[in-house]
């Protein structure tokens, strides 16, 4: 058993609660009601701006889905404004074909 705590990660009990909250929010979204039995897998922390989670057991167009969850905003945006900013950025860069596809917001 690996007991090493990843830098920037909450303790296991808080992480489990966060994962369950994320799963509840995902399955409340009309585009992801089929995700109720998925596994939300936290991915390694790589930066300060957001955190990634893999939705194992849910696929769209053959792709495994990732959740990109904002952690902070350098511009002090509210969580809702931060999400709106990130959605706009993904939509703006989508025509390049270099940005991961946005499946829900």
N, C-alpha and C. Protein backbone atom coordinates (compact mmCIF):
# COMPACT_ATOMS: atom_id res chain seq x y z
N UNK A 1 0.84 -1.18 0.00
CA UNK A 1 0.00 0.00 0.00
C UNK A 1 0.88 1.24 0.00
N UNK A 2 0.56 2.16 -0.88
CA UNK A 2 1.34 3.38 -0.97
C UNK A 2 0.73 4.42 -0.03
N UNK A 3 1.47 4.81 0.98
CA UNK A 3 0.96 5.79 1.94
C UNK A 3 1.56 7.17 1.70
N UNK A 4 2.37 7.30 0.68
CA UNK A 4 3.00 8.58 0.40
C UNK A 4 1.95 9.58 -0.09
N UNK A 5 1.91 10.74 0.51
CA UNK A 5 0.95 11.78 0.15
C UNK A 5 1.52 12.61 -0.98
N UNK A 6 0.77 12.76 -2.05
CA UNK A 6 1.20 13.58 -3.17
C UNK A 6 1.16 15.05 -2.77
N UNK A 7 2.21 15.84 -3.09
CA UNK A 7 2.21 17.26 -2.73
C UNK A 7 0.98 17.96 -3.31
N UNK A 8 0.34 18.78 -2.51
CA UNK A 8 -0.83 19.53 -2.97
C UNK A 8 -2.13 18.75 -2.90
N UNK A 9 -2.09 17.50 -2.47
CA UNK A 9 -3.30 16.69 -2.38
C UNK A 9 -3.87 16.73 -0.97
N UNK A 10 -5.20 16.73 -0.87
CA UNK A 10 -5.80 16.68 0.46
C UNK A 10 -5.61 15.30 1.08
N UNK A 11 -5.75 15.18 2.39
CA UNK A 11 -5.69 13.87 3.02
C UNK A 11 -6.73 12.93 2.41
N UNK A 12 -6.52 11.63 2.54
CA UNK A 12 -7.38 10.63 1.90
C UNK A 12 -8.86 10.83 2.19
N UNK A 13 -9.24 11.15 3.43
CA UNK A 13 -10.66 11.29 3.76
C UNK A 13 -11.27 12.48 3.03
N UNK A 14 -10.55 13.58 2.95
CA UNK A 14 -11.05 14.76 2.22
C UNK A 14 -11.09 14.48 0.73
N UNK A 15 -10.11 13.74 0.23
CA UNK A 15 -10.08 13.40 -1.20
C UNK A 15 -11.28 12.54 -1.56
N UNK A 16 -11.62 11.58 -0.71
CA UNK A 16 -12.77 10.71 -0.97
C UNK A 16 -14.06 11.52 -1.01
N UNK A 17 -14.21 12.47 -0.10
CA UNK A 17 -15.40 13.31 -0.09
C UNK A 17 -15.44 14.17 -1.36
N UNK A 18 -14.32 14.75 -1.74
CA UNK A 18 -14.26 15.57 -2.94
C UNK A 18 -14.63 14.76 -4.18
N UNK A 19 -14.14 13.54 -4.27
CA UNK A 19 -14.44 12.67 -5.41
C UNK A 19 -15.93 12.37 -5.46
N UNK A 20 -16.55 12.08 -4.33
CA UNK A 20 -17.99 11.81 -4.31
C UNK A 20 -18.80 13.04 -4.70
N UNK A 21 -18.38 14.21 -4.26
CA UNK A 21 -19.07 15.44 -4.65
C UNK A 21 -18.95 15.67 -6.15
N UNK A 22 -17.75 15.47 -6.69
CA UNK A 22 -17.56 15.60 -8.14
C UNK A 22 -18.46 14.64 -8.90
N UNK A 23 -18.51 13.40 -8.45
CA UNK A 23 -19.33 12.39 -9.13
C UNK A 23 -20.80 12.79 -9.10
N UNK A 24 -21.25 13.31 -7.98
CA UNK A 24 -22.65 13.76 -7.87
C UNK A 24 -22.93 14.89 -8.85
N UNK A 25 -21.99 15.85 -8.95
CA UNK A 25 -22.18 16.97 -9.88
C UNK A 25 -22.15 16.49 -11.33
N UNK A 26 -21.27 15.57 -11.63
CA UNK A 26 -21.20 15.04 -13.00
C UNK A 26 -22.51 14.36 -13.38
N UNK A 27 -23.02 13.50 -12.51
CA UNK A 27 -24.23 12.75 -12.85
C UNK A 27 -25.48 13.61 -12.79
N UNK A 28 -25.41 14.79 -12.17
CA UNK A 28 -26.52 15.74 -12.21
C UNK A 28 -26.60 16.47 -13.55
N UNK A 29 -25.49 16.48 -14.29
CA UNK A 29 -25.46 17.18 -15.59
C UNK A 29 -26.23 16.35 -16.61
N UNK A 30 -27.12 16.96 -17.38
CA UNK A 30 -27.95 16.20 -18.33
C UNK A 30 -27.16 15.37 -19.34
N UNK A 31 -25.96 15.80 -19.70
CA UNK A 31 -25.16 15.06 -20.69
C UNK A 31 -24.43 13.86 -20.09
N UNK A 32 -24.46 13.73 -18.76
CA UNK A 32 -23.66 12.69 -18.11
C UNK A 32 -24.44 11.85 -17.11
N UNK A 33 -25.72 11.74 -17.31
CA UNK A 33 -26.55 10.93 -16.41
C UNK A 33 -26.14 9.46 -16.43
N UNK A 34 -25.49 9.02 -17.50
CA UNK A 34 -25.05 7.63 -17.61
C UNK A 34 -23.76 7.37 -16.83
N UNK A 35 -23.22 8.36 -16.16
CA UNK A 35 -21.93 8.22 -15.46
C UNK A 35 -22.09 7.80 -14.01
N UNK A 36 -23.29 7.42 -13.60
CA UNK A 36 -23.53 7.11 -12.18
C UNK A 36 -22.66 5.98 -11.66
N UNK A 37 -22.24 5.05 -12.53
CA UNK A 37 -21.41 3.94 -12.06
C UNK A 37 -19.94 4.08 -12.43
N UNK A 38 -19.54 5.29 -12.85
CA UNK A 38 -18.14 5.49 -13.24
C UNK A 38 -17.25 5.57 -12.01
N UNK A 39 -15.97 5.46 -12.24
CA UNK A 39 -14.97 5.65 -11.19
C UNK A 39 -14.29 6.98 -11.46
N UNK A 40 -14.32 7.86 -10.47
CA UNK A 40 -13.64 9.15 -10.58
C UNK A 40 -12.24 8.97 -10.02
N UNK A 41 -11.26 9.04 -10.91
CA UNK A 41 -9.88 8.77 -10.53
C UNK A 41 -9.06 10.07 -10.52
N UNK A 42 -8.62 10.52 -9.34
CA UNK A 42 -7.78 11.72 -9.30
C UNK A 42 -6.45 11.45 -10.01
N UNK A 43 -6.04 12.36 -10.86
CA UNK A 43 -4.76 12.26 -11.54
C UNK A 43 -3.73 13.07 -10.78
N UNK A 44 -2.45 12.81 -11.02
CA UNK A 44 -1.41 13.55 -10.28
C UNK A 44 -1.56 15.06 -10.46
N UNK A 45 -1.29 15.79 -9.39
CA UNK A 45 -1.32 17.25 -9.43
C UNK A 45 -0.12 17.71 -10.24
N UNK A 46 -0.38 18.58 -11.22
CA UNK A 46 0.71 19.07 -12.07
C UNK A 46 0.88 20.58 -12.00
N UNK A 47 -0.12 21.29 -11.51
CA UNK A 47 -0.02 22.74 -11.48
C UNK A 47 -0.93 23.33 -10.42
N UNK A 48 -1.01 24.63 -10.43
CA UNK A 48 -1.80 25.33 -9.41
C UNK A 48 -3.19 25.71 -9.88
N UNK A 49 -3.38 25.87 -11.18
CA UNK A 49 -4.63 26.42 -11.70
C UNK A 49 -5.83 25.48 -11.62
N UNK A 50 -5.62 24.22 -11.93
CA UNK A 50 -6.74 23.28 -11.95
C UNK A 50 -6.25 21.87 -11.63
N UNK A 51 -7.20 20.98 -11.41
CA UNK A 51 -6.92 19.58 -11.10
C UNK A 51 -7.66 18.72 -12.11
N UNK A 52 -7.07 17.60 -12.48
CA UNK A 52 -7.70 16.68 -13.44
C UNK A 52 -8.14 15.39 -12.76
N UNK A 53 -9.29 14.88 -13.21
CA UNK A 53 -9.83 13.60 -12.74
C UNK A 53 -10.27 12.82 -13.97
N UNK A 54 -9.93 11.55 -14.02
CA UNK A 54 -10.37 10.67 -15.12
C UNK A 54 -11.70 10.04 -14.74
N UNK A 55 -12.64 10.00 -15.67
CA UNK A 55 -13.92 9.31 -15.46
C UNK A 55 -13.80 7.94 -16.12
N UNK A 56 -13.38 6.96 -15.36
CA UNK A 56 -13.24 5.60 -15.90
C UNK A 56 -14.62 4.97 -16.01
N UNK A 57 -14.90 4.42 -17.17
CA UNK A 57 -16.18 3.78 -17.41
C UNK A 57 -17.14 4.65 -18.20
N UNK A 58 -16.71 5.87 -18.56
CA UNK A 58 -17.54 6.76 -19.37
C UNK A 58 -16.72 7.17 -20.59
N UNK A 59 -17.31 7.00 -21.77
CA UNK A 59 -16.61 7.37 -23.00
C UNK A 59 -17.55 8.18 -23.88
N UNK A 60 -16.96 9.08 -24.63
CA UNK A 60 -17.69 9.84 -25.64
C UNK A 60 -16.85 9.82 -26.91
N UNK A 61 -17.47 9.41 -28.00
CA UNK A 61 -16.76 9.31 -29.29
C UNK A 61 -15.46 8.53 -29.15
N UNK A 62 -15.48 7.48 -28.33
CA UNK A 62 -14.31 6.63 -28.14
C UNK A 62 -13.27 7.17 -27.18
N UNK A 63 -13.50 8.35 -26.63
CA UNK A 63 -12.50 8.98 -25.75
C UNK A 63 -12.89 8.82 -24.28
N UNK A 64 -11.90 8.55 -23.45
CA UNK A 64 -12.09 8.59 -22.00
C UNK A 64 -12.21 10.05 -21.60
N UNK A 65 -13.09 10.34 -20.68
CA UNK A 65 -13.33 11.73 -20.28
C UNK A 65 -12.48 12.13 -19.09
N UNK A 66 -12.08 13.39 -19.10
CA UNK A 66 -11.36 14.00 -17.98
C UNK A 66 -12.18 15.16 -17.46
N UNK A 67 -12.17 15.33 -16.16
CA UNK A 67 -12.73 16.53 -15.56
C UNK A 67 -11.58 17.49 -15.31
N UNK A 68 -11.78 18.72 -15.65
CA UNK A 68 -10.79 19.76 -15.37
C UNK A 68 -11.44 20.70 -14.37
N UNK A 69 -10.98 20.65 -13.13
CA UNK A 69 -11.62 21.37 -12.03
C UNK A 69 -10.71 22.52 -11.59
N UNK A 70 -11.19 23.77 -11.72
CA UNK A 70 -10.37 24.90 -11.29
C UNK A 70 -10.06 24.83 -9.80
N UNK A 71 -8.81 25.18 -9.47
CA UNK A 71 -8.39 25.22 -8.07
C UNK A 71 -8.26 26.65 -7.58
N UNK A 72 -7.81 27.53 -8.45
CA UNK A 72 -7.63 28.93 -8.09
C UNK A 72 -7.62 29.76 -9.36
N UNK A 73 -7.71 31.05 -9.19
CA UNK A 73 -7.66 31.97 -10.32
C UNK A 73 -6.66 33.07 -10.01
N UNK A 74 -5.70 33.25 -10.90
CA UNK A 74 -4.75 34.34 -10.70
C UNK A 74 -5.44 35.69 -10.82
N UNK A 75 -6.60 35.72 -11.50
CA UNK A 75 -7.35 36.97 -11.68
C UNK A 75 -8.43 37.14 -10.63
N UNK A 76 -8.44 36.26 -9.64
CA UNK A 76 -9.42 36.30 -8.55
C UNK A 76 -10.87 36.20 -9.06
N UNK A 77 -11.05 35.37 -10.09
CA UNK A 77 -12.39 35.13 -10.61
C UNK A 77 -13.17 34.25 -9.64
N UNK A 78 -14.46 34.44 -9.60
CA UNK A 78 -15.31 33.53 -8.82
C UNK A 78 -15.28 32.17 -9.49
N UNK A 79 -15.64 31.09 -8.79
CA UNK A 79 -15.65 29.77 -9.44
C UNK A 79 -16.48 29.74 -10.72
N UNK A 80 -17.66 30.35 -10.71
CA UNK A 80 -18.50 30.37 -11.92
C UNK A 80 -17.86 31.14 -13.06
N UNK A 81 -17.28 32.30 -12.75
CA UNK A 81 -16.60 33.09 -13.77
C UNK A 81 -15.36 32.38 -14.29
N UNK A 82 -14.66 31.66 -13.40
CA UNK A 82 -13.48 30.91 -13.81
C UNK A 82 -13.87 29.81 -14.79
N UNK A 83 -14.96 29.08 -14.50
CA UNK A 83 -15.42 28.05 -15.42
C UNK A 83 -15.84 28.66 -16.76
N UNK A 84 -16.56 29.78 -16.72
CA UNK A 84 -16.98 30.44 -17.96
C UNK A 84 -15.76 30.86 -18.79
N UNK A 85 -14.72 31.35 -18.13
CA UNK A 85 -13.49 31.74 -18.81
C UNK A 85 -12.84 30.52 -19.49
N UNK A 86 -12.76 29.41 -18.76
CA UNK A 86 -12.13 28.22 -19.33
C UNK A 86 -12.96 27.64 -20.48
N UNK A 87 -14.29 27.66 -20.35
CA UNK A 87 -15.15 27.18 -21.43
C UNK A 87 -14.93 28.03 -22.68
N UNK A 88 -14.89 29.35 -22.52
CA UNK A 88 -14.67 30.24 -23.66
C UNK A 88 -13.31 29.96 -24.31
N UNK A 89 -12.30 29.71 -23.49
CA UNK A 89 -10.97 29.41 -24.04
C UNK A 89 -10.98 28.12 -24.85
N UNK A 90 -11.64 27.07 -24.34
CA UNK A 90 -11.72 25.82 -25.08
C UNK A 90 -12.49 26.00 -26.39
N UNK A 91 -13.61 26.72 -26.33
CA UNK A 91 -14.41 26.94 -27.54
C UNK A 91 -13.64 27.77 -28.57
N UNK A 92 -12.89 28.75 -28.10
CA UNK A 92 -12.14 29.62 -29.00
C UNK A 92 -11.00 28.87 -29.70
N UNK A 93 -10.38 27.94 -29.00
CA UNK A 93 -9.24 27.23 -29.58
C UNK A 93 -9.62 25.92 -30.26
N UNK A 94 -10.87 25.47 -30.13
CA UNK A 94 -11.30 24.20 -30.71
C UNK A 94 -11.05 24.10 -32.22
N UNK A 95 -11.29 25.17 -33.01
CA UNK A 95 -11.07 25.03 -34.46
C UNK A 95 -9.63 24.66 -34.84
N UNK A 96 -8.68 24.88 -33.95
CA UNK A 96 -7.29 24.54 -34.26
C UNK A 96 -7.08 23.03 -34.30
N UNK A 97 -7.96 22.27 -33.66
CA UNK A 97 -7.80 20.82 -33.59
C UNK A 97 -6.72 20.39 -32.60
N UNK A 98 -6.16 21.32 -31.86
CA UNK A 98 -5.07 21.02 -30.91
C UNK A 98 -5.55 21.00 -29.46
N UNK A 99 -6.79 21.40 -29.24
CA UNK A 99 -7.35 21.47 -27.89
C UNK A 99 -8.20 20.24 -27.64
N UNK A 100 -8.13 19.66 -26.45
CA UNK A 100 -9.05 18.55 -26.15
C UNK A 100 -10.49 19.00 -26.34
N UNK A 101 -11.33 18.08 -26.77
CA UNK A 101 -12.73 18.39 -27.03
C UNK A 101 -13.48 18.62 -25.73
N UNK A 102 -14.30 19.64 -25.69
CA UNK A 102 -15.13 19.95 -24.54
C UNK A 102 -16.47 19.23 -24.71
N UNK A 103 -16.78 18.30 -23.80
CA UNK A 103 -18.01 17.53 -23.91
C UNK A 103 -19.14 18.07 -23.05
N UNK A 104 -18.86 18.86 -22.06
CA UNK A 104 -19.90 19.40 -21.20
C UNK A 104 -19.34 20.53 -20.37
N UNK A 105 -20.23 21.36 -19.90
CA UNK A 105 -19.78 22.49 -19.09
C UNK A 105 -20.77 22.77 -17.99
